[in-house]
């Protein structure tokens, strides 16, 4: 699950794409700062992710072999999918930035059968949405924007060979046979990224060999994999400055024809990269009464790439503080303690900036975090990203 959801579930995160697409008419795309001057309209995630009519779409019913680079590309037989990139970057002088670049595909109708043809070059059954955000810690600035486009006339789309997903001039693409390394490019107003990401570890298959169940209903699941440690190098533009940066990124990929269960209102997703070479991903599906759903899960990834699944009882996530948005007035968790007793991990997670809220059709918090704690009693540190969806609805 993502941004996310990631939000993106998975956070990385994020069936959030459906809500954002439906609500697009209520919210202008573009710089988050400009959007905040507009009408504070957003669509509840619980409403956006109702099942609706799923006739004709494929469902994630059982594990299946994932193949690369083919599965880096689109799966139009499923209703929703996303490519979710987040990361923490630094200049040589230690100035910190966080970034998010996410592409969502949502099908308006099942694929055409047989030799059926499109009515015109403008027609399309696929819509693409993208979110781009940059956290400038030293400048105390968070900028976010969104774009929406149809898969027609080359405006947006995705392919596996050579890998590319794009929406206008925002893109993730690779000329390499296996789809890696990948180059990310996005610009909005006075912020931009141009980064090259290379994977330092094998693909992580989340859930049951890549099948991530989100509820007891048949087909309420996604195919989900991650690249949990990607070295990142390139440039960030913040205001009038263009700065060379390097750091670590995380990529989540999910596709499904799924829905948020009737008793669920959202999720919390954390993806953490520790300095000892391990990563931890945990997502909590939140029920209406505030408790965590039994299908909440996660993964501990060793320095050697070996994975250990984390069920609901294998990790505890406690909220230590809160932050209230001055725009939406929504109260979000603002600091956490994550404990994984089986790995002797106790981690405190703090946002680099409190205000990393996106209001882009849907409303959610997604931001860069720093990590401090202990591993087997010894100090440990790290960085990561957190996504909070469904608060204030």
Foldseek 3Di string as FASTA:
>chain_A
DCVQVVCVCCNLRVPCVQLLVVLQVVFDFFKQVVRLVDDLDADFQQVSQDQPDPPQADFLFDDDDDDFPQVLWDDQSFFKKKKKKWWWKAFPVGFIKIKIKMKMKGFQDGDDDDPDDDPDQQDARIKMKIKIWMQGLVVLDIIIGMDIDGPGPPQFGFGRAQGWGDHHPFIWTDNDRRNPQIWTWDDGDQKIWTKTKGQPADKAQPDPSQWQAQDDDRRQTKRKIKRQWIKMWGWMGDHNDIGTIIGTMMIMIITGSHGHDPQFRWKKWWWWQWPVQKIKIWMFTAGPVGDGDQSTWIWIADNRRDIDIGGPVQKDKDQDAWDADPRPRWIGRAKIWMDRVVQQWIKIKGFSHRPQWGSNNHTWHKGKIKIWTDGVRHIIITIIMMITHRTPD
